[in-house]
């Protein structure tokens, strides 16, 4: 069963007081009496005790105190989304996570795996996760990444080894994933493409200069018909 969670938004007045104000409608997810709850911050594992005060008609909100250090460390500002997750209702453990920080960490990890994996499928999945963490379209993120790669100089590379039964292109999975997202597998010369059994578009990579590296300015997405000519 998935842990229940809800999102609130930071305000200047509560940040200055080092506390979280939780609307009454979420009070049922938290203890009914005043006391200490155990808090884990962001994607960490360390558990810290914090004072919790349930809804009171006078203050008209539930409150978690002692968050000044976390606010400062994460540079929390008014309007930041903060997600509170009930990790263990029996032990009273709750996770307080700054959405912006979590998204940044996910983006960093997705980009790392995108450029280190040896699997084209994993590269495509990490590109999707990178776009999701940045709340942008996959094609837009692919364009951004290609621009960054294109700023690197052209490098000499080993010639592609041509086997009797076909060509073995040592194109990095990340580059293939980026080019597929940008061009949707369509040939840059004739616009033709077709889908493989797994539903993904089939395309090949052509190097304009065989002795140059896998640079965006040196490669084309191309169909087998044009590649054979």
Protein backbone atom coordinates (compact mmCIF):
# COMPACT_ATOMS: atom_id res chain seq x y z
CA UNK A 1 0.00 0.00 0.00
CA UNK A 2 1.40 3.41 -1.01
CA UNK A 3 2.17 5.92 1.70
CA UNK A 4 -0.28 8.81 1.83
CA UNK A 5 1.06 12.28 1.12
CA UNK A 6 -0.08 15.85 0.59
CA UNK A 7 1.48 19.10 -0.60
CA UNK A 8 1.51 22.49 1.08
CA UNK A 9 3.18 25.79 0.14
CA UNK A 10 5.68 27.78 2.15
CA UNK A 11 4.87 31.33 3.26
CA UNK A 12 7.20 34.11 4.40
CA UNK A 13 5.59 34.41 7.82
CA UNK A 14 6.00 30.71 8.60
CA UNK A 15 9.52 30.53 7.17
CA UNK A 16 10.59 33.38 9.44
CA UNK A 17 9.22 31.46 12.43
CA UNK A 18 10.84 28.18 11.40
CA UNK A 19 7.64 26.21 11.20
CA UNK A 20 5.31 24.50 8.76
CA UNK A 21 1.65 25.45 8.75
CA UNK A 22 -0.57 22.56 7.74
CA UNK A 23 -4.21 23.24 6.81
CA UNK A 24 -6.90 21.59 8.91
CA UNK A 25 -8.03 19.36 6.03
CA UNK A 26 -4.72 17.46 6.26
CA UNK A 27 -4.84 17.15 10.04
CA UNK A 28 -6.20 13.63 9.84
CA UNK A 29 -2.87 12.45 8.43
CA UNK A 30 -1.06 13.60 11.58
CA UNK A 31 -1.38 12.88 15.33
CA UNK A 32 -4.46 14.15 17.18
CA UNK A 33 -2.46 15.29 20.21
CA UNK A 34 0.47 17.62 20.82
CA UNK A 35 3.87 15.99 21.05
CA UNK A 36 6.91 14.97 19.07
CA UNK A 37 6.88 13.42 15.64
CA UNK A 38 9.82 11.88 13.82
CA UNK A 39 10.81 13.66 10.61
CA UNK A 40 13.01 12.61 7.70
CA UNK A 41 13.94 15.43 5.33
CA UNK A 42 13.96 15.25 1.54
CA UNK A 43 15.55 12.00 0.31
CA UNK A 44 17.59 11.46 3.45
CA UNK A 45 17.45 8.63 6.02
CA UNK A 46 18.23 10.46 9.27
CA UNK A 47 15.25 10.70 11.62
CA UNK A 48 14.88 13.87 13.70
CA UNK A 49 12.29 14.58 16.44
CA UNK A 50 10.21 17.72 15.92
CA UNK A 51 7.46 19.32 17.99
CA UNK A 52 3.99 18.97 16.50
CA UNK A 53 0.86 20.88 17.49
CA UNK A 54 -2.48 19.69 16.05
CA UNK A 55 -5.23 21.96 14.82
CA UNK A 56 -6.30 24.63 17.28
CA UNK A 57 -9.33 26.91 16.73
CA UNK A 58 -7.21 29.91 17.74
CA UNK A 59 -4.35 29.40 15.28
CA UNK A 60 -6.55 27.59 12.74
CA UNK A 61 -3.79 25.29 11.50
CA UNK A 62 -1.57 22.37 12.47
CA UNK A 63 2.10 23.17 13.02
CA UNK A 64 5.50 21.48 12.88
CA UNK A 65 8.23 23.44 14.68
CA UNK A 66 12.02 23.49 14.54
CA UNK A 67 12.56 23.75 10.77
CA UNK A 68 14.71 26.92 10.58
CA UNK A 69 17.91 25.02 9.79
CA UNK A 70 16.24 23.03 7.00
CA UNK A 71 14.63 26.18 5.56
CA UNK A 72 18.06 27.85 5.47
CA UNK A 73 19.89 24.83 4.06
CA UNK A 74 17.44 24.38 1.20
CA UNK A 75 16.92 28.12 0.72
CA UNK A 76 13.16 27.68 0.97
CA UNK A 77 11.18 30.69 -0.25
CA UNK A 78 7.53 31.64 -0.23
CA UNK A 79 5.57 29.62 -2.76
CA UNK A 80 7.86 26.58 -2.65
CA UNK A 81 5.92 23.33 -2.75
CA UNK A 82 6.62 21.00 0.18
CA UNK A 83 5.34 17.44 0.21
CA UNK A 84 4.66 15.65 3.50
CA UNK A 85 4.50 11.86 3.33
CA UNK A 86 3.32 9.52 6.07
CA UNK A 87 6.23 7.06 6.14
CA UNK A 88 5.10 5.06 9.18
CA UNK A 89 1.86 6.10 10.96
CA UNK A 90 2.45 3.61 13.79
CA UNK A 91 5.89 4.95 14.69
CA UNK A 92 4.91 8.49 13.79
CA UNK A 93 7.52 8.97 11.06
CA UNK A 94 6.91 11.64 8.41
CA UNK A 95 8.97 12.77 5.43
CA UNK A 96 9.13 16.49 4.66
CA UNK A 97 10.51 17.12 1.18
CA UNK A 98 11.09 20.28 -0.82
CA UNK A 99 9.72 19.42 -4.26
CA UNK A 100 12.21 21.67 -6.05
CA UNK A 101 15.17 19.94 -4.39
CA UNK A 102 13.84 16.44 -5.09
CA UNK A 103 13.26 17.30 -8.75
CA UNK A 104 16.80 18.65 -9.04
CA UNK A 105 18.24 15.46 -7.53
CA UNK A 106 16.18 13.32 -9.87
CA UNK A 107 17.32 15.38 -12.84
CA UNK A 108 20.99 15.00 -11.87
CA UNK A 109 20.63 11.23 -11.47
CA UNK A 110 18.68 10.83 -14.71
CA UNK A 111 21.29 12.80 -16.64
CA UNK A 112 24.10 10.77 -15.09
CA UNK A 113 22.50 7.49 -16.10
CA UNK A 114 21.62 8.85 -19.55
CA UNK A 115 25.30 9.41 -20.34
CA UNK A 116 26.75 6.35 -18.61
CA UNK A 117 24.43 3.52 -19.64
CA UNK A 118 25.35 1.07 -22.39
CA UNK A 119 21.69 0.38 -23.17
CA UNK A 120 19.75 2.47 -25.73
CA UNK A 121 16.48 1.52 -23.99
CA UNK A 122 17.75 2.71 -20.61
CA UNK A 123 19.08 5.89 -22.21
CA UNK A 124 15.63 6.62 -23.65
CA UNK A 125 14.00 5.95 -20.28
CA UNK A 126 16.44 8.25 -18.46
CA UNK A 127 15.81 10.97 -21.02
CA UNK A 128 12.10 10.64 -20.28
CA UNK A 129 12.78 10.86 -16.54
CA UNK A 130 14.99 13.90 -17.04
CA UNK A 131 12.19 15.63 -18.93
CA UNK A 132 9.69 14.60 -16.27
CA UNK A 133 11.85 15.97 -13.45
CA UNK A 134 12.13 19.29 -15.29
CA UNK A 135 8.45 19.26 -16.26
CA UNK A 136 9.28 19.74 -19.92
CA UNK A 137 8.66 17.74 -23.09
CA UNK A 138 11.16 15.02 -24.00
CA UNK A 139 11.90 16.64 -27.36
CA UNK A 140 12.62 20.01 -25.71
CA UNK A 141 15.03 18.44 -23.23
CA UNK A 142 16.71 16.50 -26.05
CA UNK A 143 17.28 19.77 -27.94
CA UNK A 144 18.83 21.33 -24.84
CA UNK A 145 21.17 18.39 -24.31
CA UNK A 146 22.20 18.30 -27.98
CA UNK A 147 23.07 22.00 -27.82
CA UNK A 148 25.34 21.33 -24.84
CA UNK A 149 27.05 18.44 -26.63
CA UNK A 150 27.43 20.51 -29.81
CA UNK A 151 29.53 23.04 -27.91
CA UNK A 152 32.27 20.44 -27.62
CA UNK A 153 34.94 20.33 -30.37
CA UNK A 154 34.97 17.69 -33.09
CA UNK A 155 37.32 14.86 -32.19
CA UNK A 156 39.05 12.18 -34.19
CA UNK A 157 37.53 8.74 -33.71
CA UNK A 158 38.30 5.21 -34.76
CA UNK A 159 36.76 4.21 -38.04
CA UNK A 160 33.49 2.32 -37.85
CA UNK A 161 34.09 -1.40 -38.27
CA UNK A 162 32.11 -2.80 -41.15
CA UNK A 163 31.16 -6.45 -40.79
CA UNK A 164 30.00 -8.80 -43.50
CA UNK A 165 26.47 -8.89 -42.14
CA UNK A 166 26.07 -5.19 -41.51
CA UNK A 167 27.49 -2.15 -39.92
CA UNK A 168 28.31 -2.00 -36.21
CA UNK A 169 27.94 1.63 -35.24
CA UNK A 170 29.53 2.52 -31.94
CA UNK A 171 27.18 5.46 -31.41
CA UNK A 172 26.72 6.29 -27.71
CA UNK A 173 23.25 5.27 -26.46
CA UNK A 174 22.68 8.78 -25.10
CA UNK A 175 23.24 10.35 -28.51
CA UNK A 176 20.92 7.84 -30.16
CA UNK A 177 18.22 8.59 -27.57
CA UNK A 178 18.58 12.35 -28.08
CA UNK A 179 18.48 12.11 -31.87
CA UNK A 180 15.48 9.80 -31.76
CA UNK A 181 13.59 12.22 -29.52
CA UNK A 182 14.42 15.21 -31.71
CA UNK A 183 13.75 13.66 -35.12
CA UNK A 184 11.22 11.01 -34.02
CA UNK A 185 13.24 8.47 -36.00
CA UNK A 186 12.52 10.23 -39.32
CA UNK A 187 15.20 10.37 -41.97
CA UNK A 188 16.70 13.85 -42.23
CA UNK A 189 17.04 13.41 -45.98
CA UNK A 190 13.70 11.98 -47.10
CA UNK A 191 11.57 12.02 -43.95
CA UNK A 192 10.83 8.28 -44.14
CA UNK A 193 10.64 6.01 -41.11
CA UNK A 194 9.03 2.77 -40.06
CA UNK A 195 8.40 1.08 -36.75
CA UNK A 196 10.12 -2.02 -35.44
CA UNK A 197 8.27 -4.84 -33.71
CA UNK A 198 8.62 -3.08 -30.37
CA UNK A 199 6.85 -0.02 -31.81
CA UNK A 200 9.93 2.20 -31.84
CA UNK A 201 11.08 3.88 -35.06
CA UNK A 202 13.97 2.30 -36.94
CA UNK A 203 16.76 4.61 -38.02
CA UNK A 204 20.47 4.55 -38.64
CA UNK A 205 23.20 7.03 -37.85
CA UNK A 206 25.36 8.35 -40.68
CA UNK A 207 28.69 10.08 -40.00
CA UNK A 208 29.42 12.89 -42.45
CA UNK A 209 33.13 12.62 -41.73
CA UNK A 210 34.02 8.96 -40.97
CA UNK A 211 37.13 9.92 -39.03
CA UNK A 212 35.41 12.50 -36.84
CA UNK A 213 33.71 11.85 -33.52
CA UNK A 214 30.06 11.34 -32.62
CA UNK A 215 29.41 15.08 -32.71
CA UNK A 216 25.90 16.46 -33.40
CA UNK A 217 27.34 18.40 -36.35
CA UNK A 218 28.83 15.21 -37.78
CA UNK A 219 25.85 12.85 -37.67
CA UNK A 220 22.54 12.43 -39.43
CA UNK A 221 19.46 10.39 -38.61
CA UNK A 222 18.92 8.47 -41.79
CA UNK A 223 16.75 5.62 -43.13
CA UNK A 224 18.35 2.45 -44.53
CA UNK A 225 17.26 3.39 -48.07
CA UNK A 226 19.21 6.66 -48.06
CA UNK A 227 22.04 5.11 -46.08
CA UNK A 228 22.55 2.49 -48.75
CA UNK A 229 22.89 5.02 -51.53
